[in-house]
Structure formats: C-alpha cells, structure tokens
Amino acid sequence: MIDHSKIKEHAEIIGADGVHVGTVDRVEGNRIKLTKKDSGEGKHEGHHHYLDLSLVAEVEGETIRLSANADVAVAFEEEDSGKAV
C-alpha cells in the first residue's frame, strides 16, 4: 500500500511509461489536484484536473509514478471548472 502522505506539492506525476502527466498542486481527499499549468488546451485550459489516488503505484522522492501509462491516466482525469455547484 502506498503512503499517500509522501506525496508533496510540485512533485512530478509520470505514467508507468515514464511520460509526464502533471504536477501535484496538493492532495484533496482521495484525489491529487494537478496544477493549472497541466490543464491542457482549449476547453480544458484554466482549471484544475484531478487524478484518483488509486492510480498511484509508487512515490519516488519528488516523482509520483502511476500504475497506468500517461495516455490512459489522462483519460481518467476529473475536471473542476472552479464554479460553485
């Protein structure tokens, strides 16, 4: 089991294939909030995305390695538009 308390702000998140997925803003509940700079382009730009902690395979210092390849992990990202619901 992964010790999620070892996940630090500004740690790089990479897929199992070594490809950059994002950068940690902070951990919120059972999700990692990504920095806005990793939010993508177009309609995805300018708001935070989240990854479920269940995707974390290993914490290696300042690097978070996921159990899925980057392209698959990105498909599991959740969005936050920043608007109150």
N, C-alpha and C. Protein backbone atom coordinates (compact mmCIF):
# COMPACT_ATOMS: atom_id res chain seq x y z
N MET A 1 0.84 -1.18 0.00
CA MET A 1 0.00 0.00 0.00
C MET A 1 0.88 1.25 0.00
N ILE A 2 0.49 2.25 -0.75
CA ILE A 2 1.25 3.48 -0.90
C ILE A 2 0.92 4.43 0.25
N ASP A 3 1.97 5.05 0.81
CA ASP A 3 1.79 6.06 1.85
C ASP A 3 1.56 7.39 1.14
N HIS A 4 0.29 7.79 1.03
CA HIS A 4 -0.07 8.99 0.28
C HIS A 4 0.41 10.27 0.96
N SER A 5 0.79 10.19 2.22
CA SER A 5 1.31 11.38 2.90
C SER A 5 2.68 11.78 2.34
N LYS A 6 3.32 10.89 1.59
CA LYS A 6 4.62 11.19 0.98
C LYS A 6 4.48 12.01 -0.31
N ILE A 7 3.25 12.20 -0.78
CA ILE A 7 3.03 12.98 -2.00
C ILE A 7 3.11 14.46 -1.63
N LYS A 8 4.07 15.14 -2.23
CA LYS A 8 4.35 16.54 -1.90
C LYS A 8 3.96 17.47 -3.04
N GLU A 9 3.68 18.74 -2.69
CA GLU A 9 3.38 19.76 -3.69
C GLU A 9 4.53 19.88 -4.67
N HIS A 10 4.20 20.11 -5.91
CA HIS A 10 5.14 20.31 -7.01
C HIS A 10 5.89 19.05 -7.44
N ALA A 11 5.50 17.88 -6.91
CA ALA A 11 6.09 16.62 -7.37
C ALA A 11 5.59 16.35 -8.79
N GLU A 12 6.45 15.77 -9.61
CA GLU A 12 6.07 15.42 -10.97
C GLU A 12 5.31 14.10 -10.97
N ILE A 13 4.26 14.03 -11.76
CA ILE A 13 3.49 12.81 -11.92
C ILE A 13 3.79 12.25 -13.30
N ILE A 14 4.23 10.99 -13.33
CA ILE A 14 4.53 10.33 -14.61
C ILE A 14 3.74 9.03 -14.71
N GLY A 15 3.44 8.67 -15.94
CA GLY A 15 2.77 7.41 -16.19
C GLY A 15 3.73 6.25 -16.03
N ALA A 16 3.21 5.04 -16.09
CA ALA A 16 4.03 3.84 -16.00
C ALA A 16 5.05 3.79 -17.14
N ASP A 17 4.75 4.51 -18.22
CA ASP A 17 5.63 4.57 -19.38
C ASP A 17 6.68 5.67 -19.28
N GLY A 18 6.69 6.41 -18.16
CA GLY A 18 7.67 7.47 -17.95
C GLY A 18 7.30 8.81 -18.54
N VAL A 19 6.12 8.93 -19.12
CA VAL A 19 5.67 10.17 -19.76
C VAL A 19 5.02 11.09 -18.72
N HIS A 20 5.36 12.39 -18.78
CA HIS A 20 4.82 13.39 -17.86
C HIS A 20 3.29 13.47 -17.98
N VAL A 21 2.61 13.41 -16.82
CA VAL A 21 1.16 13.53 -16.77
C VAL A 21 0.76 14.87 -16.17
N GLY A 22 1.49 15.32 -15.16
CA GLY A 22 1.15 16.57 -14.50
C GLY A 22 2.07 16.85 -13.33
N THR A 23 1.70 17.90 -12.58
CA THR A 23 2.44 18.32 -11.40
C THR A 23 1.45 18.45 -10.26
N VAL A 24 1.83 17.96 -9.09
CA VAL A 24 0.95 17.98 -7.92
C VAL A 24 0.76 19.42 -7.43
N ASP A 25 -0.50 19.83 -7.28
CA ASP A 25 -0.82 21.07 -6.58
C ASP A 25 -0.97 20.71 -5.11
N ARG A 26 -1.83 19.72 -4.83
CA ARG A 26 -1.99 19.19 -3.47
C ARG A 26 -2.89 17.95 -3.52
N VAL A 27 -2.94 17.24 -2.40
CA VAL A 27 -3.83 16.09 -2.26
C VAL A 27 -5.10 16.59 -1.58
N GLU A 28 -6.24 16.25 -2.16
CA GLU A 28 -7.55 16.61 -1.59
C GLU A 28 -8.38 15.34 -1.48
N GLY A 29 -8.57 14.87 -0.27
CA GLY A 29 -9.33 13.64 -0.07
C GLY A 29 -8.64 12.46 -0.71
N ASN A 30 -9.33 11.80 -1.64
CA ASN A 30 -8.76 10.63 -2.31
C ASN A 30 -8.29 10.96 -3.73
N ARG A 31 -7.99 12.26 -3.97
CA ARG A 31 -7.55 12.69 -5.30
C ARG A 31 -6.32 13.59 -5.21
N ILE A 32 -5.55 13.58 -6.28
CA ILE A 32 -4.43 14.51 -6.44
C ILE A 32 -4.92 15.64 -7.33
N LYS A 33 -4.82 16.86 -6.82
CA LYS A 33 -5.17 18.03 -7.61
C LYS A 33 -3.93 18.44 -8.40
N LEU A 34 -4.07 18.55 -9.72
CA LEU A 34 -2.96 18.95 -10.58
C LEU A 34 -2.91 20.47 -10.70
N THR A 35 -1.71 21.00 -10.93
CA THR A 35 -1.58 22.43 -11.14
C THR A 35 -2.31 22.83 -12.42
N LYS A 36 -2.74 24.09 -12.49
CA LYS A 36 -3.46 24.57 -13.67
C LYS A 36 -2.60 24.53 -14.92
N LYS A 37 -1.28 24.67 -14.77
CA LYS A 37 -0.41 24.67 -15.97
C LYS A 37 -0.45 23.33 -16.68
N ASP A 38 -0.92 22.29 -16.01
CA ASP A 38 -1.05 20.96 -16.62
C ASP A 38 -2.48 20.67 -17.04
N SER A 39 -3.26 21.73 -17.24
CA SER A 39 -4.69 21.55 -17.50
C SER A 39 -5.03 21.29 -18.95
N GLY A 40 -4.07 21.38 -19.84
CA GLY A 40 -4.37 21.13 -21.25
C GLY A 40 -4.66 22.39 -22.01
N GLU A 41 -5.34 22.25 -23.12
CA GLU A 41 -5.62 23.37 -24.01
C GLU A 41 -7.11 23.44 -24.31
N GLY A 42 -7.51 24.52 -24.94
CA GLY A 42 -8.91 24.67 -25.34
C GLY A 42 -9.82 24.73 -24.14
N LYS A 43 -10.90 23.95 -24.16
CA LYS A 43 -11.87 23.98 -23.07
C LYS A 43 -11.30 23.42 -21.77
N HIS A 44 -10.18 22.72 -21.83
CA HIS A 44 -9.57 22.15 -20.63
C HIS A 44 -8.63 23.13 -19.95
N GLU A 45 -8.32 24.24 -20.60
CA GLU A 45 -7.34 25.19 -20.08
C GLU A 45 -7.95 26.04 -18.96
N GLY A 46 -7.13 26.36 -17.96
CA GLY A 46 -7.54 27.34 -16.95
C GLY A 46 -8.26 26.80 -15.74
N HIS A 47 -8.33 25.51 -15.59
CA HIS A 47 -8.92 24.96 -14.38
C HIS A 47 -8.17 23.69 -13.99
N HIS A 48 -8.37 23.28 -12.75
CA HIS A 48 -7.65 22.13 -12.22
C HIS A 48 -8.25 20.81 -12.70
N HIS A 49 -7.38 19.83 -12.82
CA HIS A 49 -7.78 18.45 -13.07
C HIS A 49 -7.34 17.62 -11.87
N TYR A 50 -7.97 16.47 -11.70
CA TYR A 50 -7.69 15.60 -10.56
C TYR A 50 -7.43 14.18 -11.03
N LEU A 51 -6.56 13.49 -10.30
CA LEU A 51 -6.32 12.06 -10.51
C LEU A 51 -6.64 11.32 -9.22
N ASP A 52 -7.29 10.19 -9.34
CA ASP A 52 -7.61 9.38 -8.18
C ASP A 52 -6.33 8.77 -7.61
N LEU A 53 -6.21 8.77 -6.29
CA LEU A 53 -5.03 8.20 -5.63
C LEU A 53 -4.85 6.72 -5.93
N SER A 54 -5.90 6.04 -6.34
CA SER A 54 -5.79 4.61 -6.64
C SER A 54 -4.88 4.35 -7.84
N LEU A 55 -4.60 5.39 -8.64
CA LEU A 55 -3.71 5.24 -9.80
C LEU A 55 -2.24 5.29 -9.42
N VAL A 56 -1.92 5.71 -8.18
CA VAL A 56 -0.53 5.84 -7.75
C VAL A 56 0.06 4.46 -7.48
N ALA A 57 1.15 4.16 -8.17
CA ALA A 57 1.85 2.89 -7.99
C ALA A 57 3.03 3.04 -7.04
N GLU A 58 3.69 4.22 -7.09
CA GLU A 58 4.90 4.39 -6.29
C GLU A 58 5.21 5.87 -6.12
N VAL A 59 5.72 6.23 -4.94
CA VAL A 59 6.21 7.57 -4.68
C VAL A 59 7.73 7.46 -4.58
N GLU A 60 8.42 8.09 -5.52
CA GLU A 60 9.88 8.02 -5.59
C GLU A 60 10.44 9.42 -5.38
N GLY A 61 10.56 9.86 -4.13
CA GLY A 61 11.06 11.20 -3.84
C GLY A 61 10.12 12.27 -4.36
N GLU A 62 10.58 13.03 -5.37
CA GLU A 62 9.78 14.11 -5.96
C GLU A 62 9.04 13.66 -7.22
N THR A 63 8.92 12.35 -7.39
CA THR A 63 8.23 11.80 -8.56
C THR A 63 7.16 10.82 -8.13
N ILE A 64 5.97 10.98 -8.70
CA ILE A 64 4.85 10.07 -8.46
C ILE A 64 4.69 9.23 -9.72
N ARG A 65 4.85 7.92 -9.58
CA ARG A 65 4.69 7.02 -10.73
C ARG A 65 3.30 6.37 -10.64
N LEU A 66 2.57 6.42 -11.76
CA LEU A 66 1.24 5.84 -11.82
C LEU A 66 1.29 4.40 -12.31
N SER A 67 0.23 3.68 -12.05
CA SER A 67 0.13 2.28 -12.49
C SER A 67 -0.30 2.18 -13.95
N ALA A 68 -0.76 3.28 -14.51
CA ALA A 68 -1.23 3.30 -15.91
C ALA A 68 -0.30 4.17 -16.75
N ASN A 69 -0.22 3.87 -18.04
CA ASN A 69 0.52 4.74 -18.95
C ASN A 69 -0.12 6.12 -18.98
N ALA A 70 0.64 7.12 -19.37
CA ALA A 70 0.17 8.51 -19.34
C ALA A 70 -1.12 8.71 -20.12
N ASP A 71 -1.21 8.15 -21.33
CA ASP A 71 -2.41 8.37 -22.14
C ASP A 71 -3.66 7.78 -21.49
N VAL A 72 -3.51 6.70 -20.78
CA VAL A 72 -4.64 6.08 -20.08
C VAL A 72 -4.98 6.90 -18.83
N ALA A 73 -3.97 7.32 -18.09
CA ALA A 73 -4.19 8.11 -16.87
C ALA A 73 -4.93 9.41 -17.18
N VAL A 74 -4.55 10.07 -18.27
CA VAL A 74 -5.20 11.33 -18.65
C VAL A 74 -6.69 11.10 -18.92
N ALA A 75 -7.03 9.95 -19.45
CA ALA A 75 -8.44 9.63 -19.72
C ALA A 75 -9.24 9.51 -18.42
N PHE A 76 -8.56 9.23 -17.30
CA PHE A 76 -9.23 9.09 -16.01
C PHE A 76 -9.28 10.40 -15.22
N GLU A 77 -8.67 11.48 -15.75
CA GLU A 77 -8.68 12.76 -15.04
C GLU A 77 -10.10 13.27 -14.88
N GLU A 78 -10.34 13.87 -13.73
CA GLU A 78 -11.61 14.55 -13.47
C GLU A 78 -11.34 16.03 -13.56
N GLU A 79 -12.34 16.81 -13.97
CA GLU A 79 -12.17 18.25 -14.13
C GLU A 79 -12.90 19.02 -13.05
N ASP A 80 -12.38 20.21 -12.78
CA ASP A 80 -13.03 21.16 -11.87
C ASP A 80 -13.05 22.49 -12.56
N SER A 81 -14.20 22.97 -12.88
CA SER A 81 -14.31 24.24 -13.61
C SER A 81 -14.11 25.45 -12.70
N GLY A 82 -14.09 25.21 -11.39
CA GLY A 82 -13.92 26.30 -10.45
C GLY A 82 -15.22 27.02 -10.13
N LYS A 83 -16.32 26.59 -10.74
CA LYS A 83 -17.62 27.19 -10.50
C LYS A 83 -18.31 26.50 -9.33
N ALA A 84 -18.97 27.28 -8.51
CA ALA A 84 -19.72 26.71 -7.38
C ALA A 84 -20.91 25.94 -7.93
N VAL A 85 -21.19 24.81 -7.29
CA VAL A 85 -22.30 23.97 -7.75
C VAL A 85 -23.50 24.16 -6.86
